[in-house]
Amino acid sequence: MPKFLRIAAWNAYDLVNHRQEIENFLIENKIDILLISETHFTERSYFKLKNYRLYDTKHPSDNAHGGAAILIKSTIKHHEQKAVRDQDIQATTVQIANWN
């Protein structure tokens, strides 16, 4: 595990339509964890990047607005925490295991 984590935040305004841009950003900046707002995911959305795990929280209406997600490198030991999912706020959380 790296000594330092590189964490960034991104307002995606529809994550699926910015896939290549986000992938380039992660690689060029060596980002370990990306915190994402405005994913606009529904139950039919699909998003996957090599070497990353995605956790997301959709808007409870299942309409394409709001939403939050975390992309985290697969090599970082972690587990998902309870998400917040209501009309006004969606939040996704993970806990990093044994981080010094």
PDB file of N, CA and C in Angstrom:
ATOM      1  N   MET A   1       0.846  -1.172   0.000  1.00  0.00           N
ATOM      2  CA  MET A   1       0.000   0.000   0.000  1.00  0.00           C
ATOM      3  C   MET A   1       0.899   1.246   0.000  1.00  0.00           C
ATOM      4  N   PRO A   2       0.547   2.279  -0.762  1.00  0.00           N
ATOM      5  CA  PRO A   2       1.386   3.477  -0.808  1.00  0.00           C
ATOM      6  C   PRO A   2       1.420   4.192   0.545  1.00  0.00           C
ATOM      7  N   LYS A   3       2.488   4.940   0.777  1.00  0.00           N
ATOM      8  CA  LYS A   3       2.631   5.675   2.034  1.00  0.00           C
ATOM      9  C   LYS A   3       1.605   6.797   2.135  1.00  0.00           C
ATOM     10  N   PHE A   4       1.326   7.449   1.018  1.00  0.00           N
ATOM     11  CA  PHE A   4       0.357   8.532   0.979  1.00  0.00           C
ATOM     12  C   PHE A   4      -0.742   8.196  -0.017  1.00  0.00           C
ATOM     13  N   LEU A   5      -1.945   8.621   0.283  1.00  0.00           N
ATOM     14  CA  LEU A   5      -3.054   8.448  -0.645  1.00  0.00           C
ATOM     15  C   LEU A   5      -3.259   9.736  -1.426  1.00  0.00           C
ATOM     16  N   ARG A   6      -3.516   9.593  -2.702  1.00  0.00           N
ATOM     17  CA  ARG A   6      -3.861  10.744  -3.544  1.00  0.00           C
ATOM     18  C   ARG A   6      -5.368  10.692  -3.749  1.00  0.00           C
ATOM     19  N   ILE A   7      -6.056  11.680  -3.165  1.00  0.00           N
ATOM     20  CA  ILE A   7      -7.511  11.733  -3.189  1.00  0.00           C
ATOM     21  C   ILE A   7      -7.948  12.980  -3.947  1.00  0.00           C
ATOM     22  N   ALA A   8      -8.953  12.823  -4.793  1.00  0.00           N
ATOM     23  CA  ALA A   8      -9.484  13.956  -5.547  1.00  0.00           C
ATOM     24  C   ALA A   8     -11.008  13.912  -5.505  1.00  0.00           C
ATOM     25  N   ALA A   9     -11.622  15.057  -5.776  1.00  0.00           N
ATOM     26  CA  ALA A   9     -13.080  15.157  -5.861  1.00  0.00           C
ATOM     27  C   ALA A   9     -13.453  15.602  -7.272  1.00  0.00           C
ATOM     28  N   TRP A  10     -14.609  15.115  -7.743  1.00  0.00           N
ATOM     29  CA  TRP A  10     -15.026  15.398  -9.119  1.00  0.00           C
ATOM     30  C   TRP A  10     -16.543  15.552  -9.149  1.00  0.00           C
ATOM     31  N   ASN A  11     -17.037  16.662  -9.683  1.00  0.00           N
ATOM     32  CA  ASN A  11     -18.468  16.813  -9.923  1.00  0.00           C
ATOM     33  C   ASN A  11     -18.706  16.339 -11.344  1.00  0.00           C
ATOM     34  N   ALA A  12     -19.241  15.149 -11.480  1.00  0.00           N
ATOM     35  CA  ALA A  12     -19.310  14.486 -12.782  1.00  0.00           C
ATOM     36  C   ALA A  12     -20.416  15.007 -13.691  1.00  0.00           C
ATOM     37  N   TYR A  13     -21.527  15.417 -13.118  1.00  0.00           N
ATOM     38  CA  TYR A  13     -22.699  15.805 -13.893  1.00  0.00           C
ATOM     39  C   TYR A  13     -22.963  14.785 -14.998  1.00  0.00           C
ATOM     40  N   ASP A  14     -23.138  13.556 -14.592  1.00  0.00           N
ATOM     41  CA  ASP A  14     -23.404  12.377 -15.422  1.00  0.00           C
ATOM     42  C   ASP A  14     -22.110  11.601 -15.667  1.00  0.00           C
ATOM     43  N   LEU A  15     -21.792  10.758 -14.741  1.00  0.00           N
ATOM     44  CA  LEU A  15     -20.527  10.024 -14.737  1.00  0.00           C
ATOM     45  C   LEU A  15     -20.302   9.192 -15.992  1.00  0.00           C
ATOM     46  N   VAL A  16     -21.310   8.511 -16.468  1.00  0.00           N
ATOM     47  CA  VAL A  16     -21.151   7.627 -17.619  1.00  0.00           C
ATOM     48  C   VAL A  16     -20.647   8.384 -18.850  1.00  0.00           C
ATOM     49  N   ASN A  17     -21.112   9.602 -19.057  1.00  0.00           N
ATOM     50  CA  ASN A  17     -20.704  10.380 -20.229  1.00  0.00           C
ATOM     51  C   ASN A  17     -19.309  11.000 -20.103  1.00  0.00           C
ATOM     52  N   HIS A  18     -18.670  10.856 -18.942  1.00  0.00           N
ATOM     53  CA  HIS A  18     -17.325  11.410 -18.742  1.00  0.00           C
ATOM     54  C   HIS A  18     -16.306  10.324 -18.424  1.00  0.00           C
ATOM     55  N   ARG A  19     -16.612   9.101 -18.801  1.00  0.00           N
ATOM     56  CA  ARG A  19     -15.768   7.959 -18.458  1.00  0.00           C
ATOM     57  C   ARG A  19     -14.319   8.135 -18.910  1.00  0.00           C
ATOM     58  N   GLN A  20     -14.095   8.440 -20.175  1.00  0.00           N
ATOM     59  CA  GLN A  20     -12.728   8.545 -20.689  1.00  0.00           C
ATOM     60  C   GLN A  20     -11.969   9.693 -20.035  1.00  0.00           C
ATOM     61  N   GLU A  21     -12.639  10.797 -19.833  1.00  0.00           N
ATOM     62  CA  GLU A  21     -12.025  11.956 -19.183  1.00  0.00           C
ATOM     63  C   GLU A  21     -11.599  11.611 -17.751  1.00  0.00           C
ATOM     64  N   ILE A  22     -12.442  10.897 -17.033  1.00  0.00           N
ATOM     65  CA  ILE A  22     -12.122  10.501 -15.666  1.00  0.00           C
ATOM     66  C   ILE A  22     -10.992   9.480 -15.648  1.00  0.00           C
ATOM     67  N   GLU A  23     -11.034   8.522 -16.549  1.00  0.00           N
ATOM     68  CA  GLU A  23      -9.956   7.532 -16.623  1.00  0.00           C
ATOM     69  C   GLU A  23      -8.607   8.204 -16.889  1.00  0.00           C
ATOM     70  N   ASN A  24      -8.562   9.130 -17.818  1.00  0.00           N
ATOM     71  CA  ASN A  24      -7.322   9.871 -18.101  1.00  0.00           C
ATOM     72  C   ASN A  24      -6.846  10.640 -16.884  1.00  0.00           C
ATOM     73  N   PHE A  25      -7.768  11.303 -16.194  1.00  0.00           N
ATOM     74  CA  PHE A  25      -7.428  12.076 -14.994  1.00  0.00           C
ATOM     75  C   PHE A  25      -6.821  11.181 -13.917  1.00  0.00           C
ATOM     76  N   LEU A  26      -7.424  10.017 -13.682  1.00  0.00           N
ATOM     77  CA  LEU A  26      -6.918   9.096 -12.667  1.00  0.00           C
ATOM     78  C   LEU A  26      -5.509   8.631 -12.980  1.00  0.00           C
ATOM     79  N   ILE A  27      -5.272   8.284 -14.230  1.00  0.00           N
ATOM     80  CA  ILE A  27      -3.956   7.781 -14.638  1.00  0.00           C
ATOM     81  C   ILE A  27      -2.905   8.883 -14.596  1.00  0.00           C
ATOM     82  N   GLU A  28      -3.200  10.021 -15.205  1.00  0.00           N
ATOM     83  CA  GLU A  28      -2.232  11.119 -15.285  1.00  0.00           C
ATOM     84  C   GLU A  28      -1.850  11.659 -13.911  1.00  0.00           C
ATOM     85  N   ASN A  29      -2.789  11.660 -12.974  1.00  0.00           N
ATOM     86  CA  ASN A  29      -2.544  12.232 -11.652  1.00  0.00           C
ATOM     87  C   ASN A  29      -2.314  11.188 -10.567  1.00  0.00           C
ATOM     88  N   LYS A  30      -2.271   9.916 -10.961  1.00  0.00           N
ATOM     89  CA  LYS A  30      -2.021   8.806 -10.033  1.00  0.00           C
ATOM     90  C   LYS A  30      -2.951   8.863  -8.820  1.00  0.00           C
ATOM     91  N   ILE A  31      -4.237   9.012  -9.091  1.00  0.00           N
ATOM     92  CA  ILE A  31      -5.241   9.137  -8.045  1.00  0.00           C
ATOM     93  C   ILE A  31      -5.583   7.761  -7.477  1.00  0.00           C
ATOM     94  N   ASP A  32      -5.588   7.673  -6.141  1.00  0.00           N
ATOM     95  CA  ASP A  32      -5.950   6.427  -5.463  1.00  0.00           C
ATOM     96  C   ASP A  32      -7.451   6.352  -5.194  1.00  0.00           C
ATOM     97  N   ILE A  33      -8.037   7.478  -4.812  1.00  0.00           N
ATOM     98  CA  ILE A  33      -9.456   7.529  -4.471  1.00  0.00           C
ATOM     99  C   ILE A  33     -10.075   8.760  -5.122  1.00  0.00           C
ATOM    100  N   LEU A  34     -11.192   8.571  -5.807  1.00  0.00           N
ATOM    101  CA  LEU A  34     -11.912   9.681  -6.419  1.00  0.00           C
ATOM    102  C   LEU A  34     -13.300   9.755  -5.801  1.00  0.00           C
ATOM    103  N   LEU A  35     -13.614  10.904  -5.190  1.00  0.00           N
ATOM    104  CA  LEU A  35     -14.922  11.161  -4.590  1.00  0.00           C
ATOM    105  C   LEU A  35     -15.756  11.873  -5.642  1.00  0.00           C
ATOM    106  N   ILE A  36     -16.914  11.330  -5.967  1.00  0.00           N
ATOM    107  CA  ILE A  36     -17.684  11.815  -7.115  1.00  0.00           C
ATOM    108  C   ILE A  36     -19.081  12.254  -6.684  1.00  0.00           C
ATOM    109  N   SER A  37     -19.475  13.446  -7.131  1.00  0.00           N
ATOM    110  CA  SER A  37     -20.842  13.927  -6.909  1.00  0.00           C
ATOM    111  C   SER A  37     -21.556  14.025  -8.247  1.00  0.00           C
ATOM    112  N   GLU A  38     -22.871  14.104  -8.189  1.00  0.00           N
ATOM    113  CA  GLU A  38     -23.713  14.236  -9.385  1.00  0.00           C
ATOM    114  C   GLU A  38     -23.457  13.116 -10.405  1.00  0.00           C
ATOM    115  N   THR A  39     -23.538  11.872  -9.942  1.00  0.00           N
ATOM    116  CA  THR A  39     -23.308  10.738 -10.843  1.00  0.00           C
ATOM    117  C   THR A  39     -24.440  10.565 -11.850  1.00  0.00           C
ATOM    118  N   HIS A  40     -25.644  10.925 -11.446  1.00  0.00           N
ATOM    119  CA  HIS A  40     -26.849  10.775 -12.280  1.00  0.00           C
ATOM    120  C   HIS A  40     -27.113   9.310 -12.625  1.00  0.00           C
ATOM    121  N   PHE A  41     -26.689   8.388 -11.765  1.00  0.00           N
ATOM    122  CA  PHE A  41     -26.931   6.964 -11.987  1.00  0.00           C
ATOM    123  C   PHE A  41     -28.383   6.600 -11.705  1.00  0.00           C
ATOM    124  N   THR A  42     -28.860   5.613 -12.434  1.00  0.00           N
ATOM    125  CA  THR A  42     -30.132   4.956 -12.139  1.00  0.00           C
ATOM    126  C   THR A  42     -29.816   3.481 -11.933  1.00  0.00           C
ATOM    127  N   GLU A  43     -30.831   2.691 -11.663  1.00  0.00           N
ATOM    128  CA  GLU A  43     -30.617   1.245 -11.488  1.00  0.00           C
ATOM    129  C   GLU A  43     -30.104   0.592 -12.773  1.00  0.00           C
ATOM    130  N   ARG A  44     -30.236   1.254 -13.897  1.00  0.00           N
ATOM    131  CA  ARG A  44     -29.784   0.710 -15.183  1.00  0.00           C
ATOM    132  C   ARG A  44     -28.377   1.186 -15.574  1.00  0.00           C
ATOM    133  N   SER A  45     -27.775   2.038 -14.766  1.00  0.00           N
ATOM    134  CA  SER A  45     -26.441   2.576 -15.084  1.00  0.00           C
ATOM    135  C   SER A  45     -25.357   1.536 -14.853  1.00  0.00           C
ATOM    136  N   TYR A  46     -24.310   1.639 -15.662  1.00  0.00           N
ATOM    137  CA  TYR A  46     -23.173   0.732 -15.545  1.00  0.00           C
ATOM    138  C   TYR A  46     -21.891   1.536 -15.734  1.00  0.00           C
ATOM    139  N   PHE A  47     -20.924   1.333 -14.843  1.00  0.00           N
ATOM    140  CA  PHE A  47     -19.653   2.048 -14.926  1.00  0.00           C
ATOM    141  C   PHE A  47     -18.582   1.186 -14.289  1.00  0.00           C
ATOM    142  N   LYS A  48     -17.524   0.917 -15.031  1.00  0.00           N
ATOM    143  CA  LYS A  48     -16.435   0.091 -14.518  1.00  0.00           C
ATOM    144  C   LYS A  48     -15.126   0.591 -15.097  1.00  0.00           C
ATOM    145  N   LEU A  49     -14.086   0.657 -14.247  1.00  0.00           N
ATOM    146  CA  LEU A  49     -12.737   1.015 -14.687  1.00  0.00           C
ATOM    147  C   LEU A  49     -11.764  -0.043 -14.185  1.00  0.00           C
ATOM    148  N   LYS A  50     -10.836  -0.413 -15.029  1.00  0.00           N
ATOM    149  CA  LYS A  50      -9.819  -1.395 -14.674  1.00  0.00           C
ATOM    150  C   LYS A  50      -9.022  -0.897 -13.465  1.00  0.00           C
ATOM    151  N   ASN A  51      -8.768  -1.792 -12.521  1.00  0.00           N
ATOM    152  CA  ASN A  51      -7.974  -1.546 -11.316  1.00  0.00           C
ATOM    153  C   ASN A  51      -8.668  -0.671 -10.276  1.00  0.00           C
ATOM    154  N   TYR A  52      -9.952  -0.366 -10.455  1.00  0.00           N
ATOM    155  CA  TYR A  52     -10.703   0.437  -9.497  1.00  0.00           C
ATOM    156  C   TYR A  52     -11.992  -0.281  -9.134  1.00  0.00           C
ATOM    157  N   ARG A  53     -12.447  -0.030  -7.926  1.00  0.00           N
ATOM    158  CA  ARG A  53     -13.742  -0.533  -7.463  1.00  0.00           C
ATOM    159  C   ARG A  53     -14.666   0.669  -7.298  1.00  0.00           C
ATOM    160  N   LEU A  54     -15.893   0.556  -7.759  1.00  0.00           N
ATOM    161  CA  LEU A  54     -16.867   1.645  -7.670  1.00  0.00           C
ATOM    162  C   LEU A  54     -17.928   1.316  -6.627  1.00  0.00           C
ATOM    163  N   TYR A  55     -18.187   2.278  -5.756  1.00  0.00           N
ATOM    164  CA  TYR A  55     -19.307   2.222  -4.825  1.00  0.00           C
ATOM    165  C   TYR A  55     -20.165   3.435  -5.133  1.00  0.00           C
ATOM    166  N   ASP A  56     -21.474   3.236  -5.251  1.00  0.00           N
ATOM    167  CA  ASP A  56     -22.310   4.391  -5.571  1.00  0.00           C
ATOM    168  C   ASP A  56     -23.603   4.383  -4.772  1.00  0.00           C
ATOM    169  N   THR A  57     -24.171   5.580  -4.639  1.00  0.00           N
ATOM    170  CA  THR A  57     -25.448   5.781  -3.980  1.00  0.00           C
ATOM    171  C   THR A  57     -26.320   6.581  -4.937  1.00  0.00           C
ATOM    172  N   LYS A  58     -27.395   5.978  -5.365  1.00  0.00           N
ATOM    173  CA  LYS A  58     -28.279   6.611  -6.341  1.00  0.00           C
ATOM    174  C   LYS A  58     -29.338   7.466  -5.634  1.00  0.00           C
ATOM    175  N   HIS A  59     -29.917   8.403  -6.358  1.00  0.00           N
ATOM    176  CA  HIS A  59     -31.035   9.175  -5.836  1.00  0.00           C
ATOM    177  C   HIS A  59     -32.208   8.206  -5.616  1.00  0.00           C
ATOM    178  N   PRO A  60     -32.958   8.337  -4.521  1.00  0.00           N
ATOM    179  CA  PRO A  60     -34.024   7.379  -4.245  1.00  0.00           C
ATOM    180  C   PRO A  60     -35.156   7.351  -5.278  1.00  0.00           C
ATOM    181  N   SER A  61     -35.303   8.403  -6.082  1.00  0.00           N
ATOM    182  CA  SER A  61     -36.347   8.419  -7.109  1.00  0.00           C
ATOM    183  C   SER A  61     -35.982   7.554  -8.313  1.00  0.00           C
ATOM    184  N   ASP A  62     -34.716   7.127  -8.401  1.00  0.00           N
ATOM    185  CA  ASP A  62     -34.170   6.386  -9.535  1.00  0.00           C
ATOM    186  C   ASP A  62     -34.246   7.182 -10.836  1.00  0.00           C
ATOM    187  N   ASN A  63     -34.345   8.497 -10.727  1.00  0.00           N
ATOM    188  CA  ASN A  63     -34.222   9.380 -11.895  1.00  0.00           C
ATOM    189  C   ASN A  63     -32.754   9.754 -12.049  1.00  0.00           C
ATOM    190  N   ALA A  64     -32.364  10.152 -13.245  1.00  0.00           N
ATOM    191  CA  ALA A  64     -30.960  10.472 -13.524  1.00  0.00           C
ATOM    192  C   ALA A  64     -30.612  11.876 -13.021  1.00  0.00           C
ATOM    193  N   HIS A  65     -30.504  12.008 -11.702  1.00  0.00           N
ATOM    194  CA  HIS A  65     -30.001  13.241 -11.093  1.00  0.00           C
ATOM    195  C   HIS A  65     -29.441  12.913  -9.713  1.00  0.00           C
ATOM    196  N   GLY A  66     -28.647  13.839  -9.178  1.00  0.00           N
ATOM    197  CA  GLY A  66     -28.033  13.609  -7.876  1.00  0.00           C
ATOM    198  C   GLY A  66     -27.085  12.428  -7.910  1.00  0.00           C
ATOM    199  N   GLY A  67     -26.904  11.817  -6.756  1.00  0.00           N
ATOM    200  CA  GLY A  67     -26.071  10.631  -6.648  1.00  0.00           C
ATOM    201  C   GLY A  67     -24.635  10.932  -6.258  1.00  0.00           C
ATOM    202  N   ALA A  68     -24.020   9.955  -5.627  1.00  0.00           N
ATOM    203  CA  ALA A  68     -22.631  10.075  -5.191  1.00  0.00           C
ATOM    204  C   ALA A  68     -21.932   8.736  -5.417  1.00  0.00           C
ATOM    205  N   ALA A  69     -20.612   8.792  -5.546  1.00  0.00           N
ATOM    206  CA  ALA A  69     -19.852   7.559  -5.751  1.00  0.00           C
ATOM    207  C   ALA A  69     -18.420   7.744  -5.270  1.00  0.00           C
ATOM    208  N   ILE A  70     -17.771   6.623  -5.064  1.00  0.00           N
ATOM    209  CA  ILE A  70     -16.343   6.591  -4.748  1.00  0.00           C
ATOM    210  C   ILE A  70     -15.706   5.558  -5.660  1.00  0.00           C
ATOM    211  N   LEU A  71     -14.648   5.979  -6.340  1.00  0.00           N
ATOM    212  CA  LEU A  71     -13.789   5.056  -7.091  1.00  0.00           C
ATOM    213  C   LEU A  71     -12.534   4.885  -6.254  1.00  0.00           C
ATOM    214  N   ILE A  72     -12.184   3.658  -5.938  1.00  0.00           N
ATOM    215  CA  ILE A  72     -11.012   3.400  -5.105  1.00  0.00           C
ATOM    216  C   ILE A  72     -10.190   2.284  -5.743  1.00  0.00           C
ATOM    217  N   LYS A  73      -8.876   2.441  -5.726  1.00  0.00           N
ATOM    218  CA  LYS A  73      -7.999   1.421  -6.303  1.00  0.00           C
ATOM    219  C   LYS A  73      -8.256   0.076  -5.640  1.00  0.00           C
ATOM    220  N   SER A  74      -8.304  -0.937  -6.448  1.00  0.00           N
ATOM    221  CA  SER A  74      -8.583  -2.291  -5.962  1.00  0.00           C
ATOM    222  C   SER A  74      -7.510  -2.794  -5.007  1.00  0.00           C
ATOM    223  N   THR A  75      -6.309  -2.259  -5.086  1.00  0.00           N
ATOM    224  CA  THR A  75      -5.199  -2.717  -4.237  1.00  0.00           C
ATOM    225  C   THR A  75      -5.257  -2.146  -2.825  1.00  0.00           C
ATOM    226  N   ILE A  76      -6.122  -1.182  -2.584  1.00  0.00           N
ATOM    227  CA  ILE A  76      -6.245  -0.585  -1.252  1.00  0.00           C
ATOM    228  C   ILE A  76      -7.285  -1.381  -0.466  1.00  0.00           C
ATOM    229  N   LYS A  77      -6.883  -1.903   0.685  1.00  0.00           N
ATOM    230  CA  LYS A  77      -7.808  -2.675   1.510  1.00  0.00           C
ATOM    231  C   LYS A  77      -8.841  -1.723   2.110  1.00  0.00           C
ATOM    232  N   HIS A  78     -10.095  -2.066   1.905  1.00  0.00           N
ATOM    233  CA  HIS A  78     -11.182  -1.192   2.348  1.00  0.00           C
ATOM    234  C   HIS A  78     -12.483  -1.979   2.407  1.00  0.00           C
ATOM    235  N   HIS A  79     -13.497  -1.363   2.980  1.00  0.00           N
ATOM    236  CA  HIS A  79     -14.837  -1.925   2.906  1.00  0.00           C
ATOM    237  C   HIS A  79     -15.858  -0.797   2.917  1.00  0.00           C
ATOM    238  N   GLU A  80     -16.987  -1.090   2.311  1.00  0.00           N
ATOM    239  CA  GLU A  80     -18.049  -0.101   2.180  1.00  0.00           C
ATOM    240  C   GLU A  80     -18.758   0.095   3.518  1.00  0.00           C
ATOM    241  N   GLN A  81     -19.099   1.343   3.799  1.00  0.00           N
ATOM    242  CA  GLN A  81     -19.868   1.703   4.982  1.00  0.00           C
ATOM    243  C   GLN A  81     -21.312   1.977   4.572  1.00  0.00           C
ATOM    244  N   LYS A  82     -22.156   2.220   5.527  1.00  0.00           N
ATOM    245  CA  LYS A  82     -23.562   2.507   5.248  1.00  0.00           C
ATOM    246  C   LYS A  82     -23.689   3.817   4.467  1.00  0.00           C
ATOM    247  N   ALA A  83     -24.470   3.779   3.416  1.00  0.00           N
ATOM    248  CA  ALA A  83     -24.701   4.961   2.574  1.00  0.00           C
ATOM    249  C   ALA A  83     -25.879   5.772   3.110  1.00  0.00           C
ATOM    250  N   VAL A  84     -25.901   7.050   2.743  1.00  0.00           N
ATOM    251  CA  VAL A  84     -27.038   7.924   3.023  1.00  0.00           C
ATOM    252  C   VAL A  84     -27.758   8.135   1.705  1.00  0.00           C
ATOM    253  N   ARG A  85     -29.054   7.829   1.701  1.00  0.00           N
ATOM    254  CA  ARG A  85     -29.806   7.915   0.451  1.00  0.00           C
ATOM    255  C   ARG A  85     -31.198   8.477   0.743  1.00  0.00           C
ATOM    256  N   ASP A  86     -31.340   9.804   0.630  1.00  0.00           N
ATOM    257  CA  ASP A  86     -32.662  10.392   0.750  1.00  0.00           C
ATOM    258  C   ASP A  86     -32.836  11.473  -0.310  1.00  0.00           C
ATOM    259  N   GLN A  87     -33.963  12.112  -0.313  1.00  0.00           N
ATOM    260  CA  GLN A  87     -34.285  13.092  -1.365  1.00  0.00           C
ATOM    261  C   GLN A  87     -33.269  14.224  -1.455  1.00  0.00           C
ATOM    262  N   ASP A  88     -32.756  14.675  -0.317  1.00  0.00           N
ATOM    263  CA  ASP A  88     -31.898  15.860  -0.284  1.00  0.00           C
ATOM    264  C   ASP A  88     -30.406  15.574  -0.350  1.00  0.00           C
ATOM    265  N   ILE A  89     -30.016  14.371   0.020  1.00  0.00           N
ATOM    266  CA  ILE A  89     -28.583  14.080   0.045  1.00  0.00           C
ATOM    267  C   ILE A  89     -28.343  12.594  -0.223  1.00  0.00           C
ATOM    268  N   GLN A  90     -27.297  12.335  -0.999  1.00  0.00           N
ATOM    269  CA  GLN A  90     -26.824  10.973  -1.214  1.00  0.00           C
ATOM    270  C   GLN A  90     -25.331  10.981  -0.883  1.00  0.00           C
ATOM    271  N   ALA A  91     -24.907  10.034  -0.078  1.00  0.00           N
ATOM    272  CA  ALA A  91     -23.505   9.970   0.318  1.00  0.00           C
ATOM    273  C   ALA A  91     -23.036   8.520   0.318  1.00  0.00           C
ATOM    274  N   THR A  92     -21.870   8.299  -0.230  1.00  0.00           N
ATOM    275  CA  THR A  92     -21.238   6.984  -0.281  1.00  0.00           C
ATOM    276  C   THR A  92     -20.002   7.042   0.603  1.00  0.00           C
ATOM    277  N   THR A  93     -19.774   6.021   1.419  1.00  0.00           N
ATOM    278  CA  THR A  93     -18.605   6.024   2.300  1.00  0.00           C
ATOM    279  C   THR A  93     -17.909   4.668   2.282  1.00  0.00           C
ATOM    280  N   VAL A  94     -16.601   4.713   2.405  1.00  0.00           N
ATOM    281  CA  VAL A  94     -15.795   3.507   2.581  1.00  0.00           C
ATOM    282  C   VAL A  94     -14.840   3.737   3.739  1.00  0.00           C
ATOM    283  N   GLN A  95     -14.388   2.662   4.327  1.00  0.00           N
ATOM    284  CA  GLN A  95     -13.395   2.738   5.370  1.00  0.00           C
ATOM    285  C   GLN A  95     -12.133   2.037   4.904  1.00  0.00           C
ATOM    286  N   ILE A  96     -11.011   2.744   5.001  1.00  0.00           N
ATOM    287  CA  ILE A  96      -9.716   2.178   4.633  1.00  0.00           C
ATOM    288  C   ILE A  96      -9.251   1.296   5.790  1.00  0.00           C
ATOM    289  N   ALA A  97      -8.802   0.097   5.500  1.00  0.00           N
ATOM    290  CA  ALA A  97      -8.363  -0.847   6.531  1.00  0.00           C
ATOM    291  C   ALA A  97      -6.880  -0.662   6.837  1.00  0.00           C
ATOM    292  N   ASN A  98      -6.550  -0.638   8.120  1.00  0.00           N
ATOM    293  CA  ASN A  98      -5.157  -0.607   8.587  1.00  0.00           C
ATOM    294  C   ASN A  98      -4.291   0.427   7.916  1.00  0.00           C
ATOM    295  N   TRP A  99      -4.748   1.654   7.850  1.00  0.00           N
ATOM    296  CA  TRP A  99      -3.971   2.718   7.222  1.00  0.00           C
ATOM    297  C   TRP A  99      -3.099   3.392   8.263  1.00  0.00           C
ATOM    298  N   ASN A 100      -1.791   3.522   7.983  1.00  0.00           N
ATOM    299  CA  ASN A 100      -0.852   4.175   8.913  1.00  0.00           C
ATOM    300  C   ASN A 100      -0.627   5.604   8.502  1.00  0.00           C
TER     301      ASN A 100
END
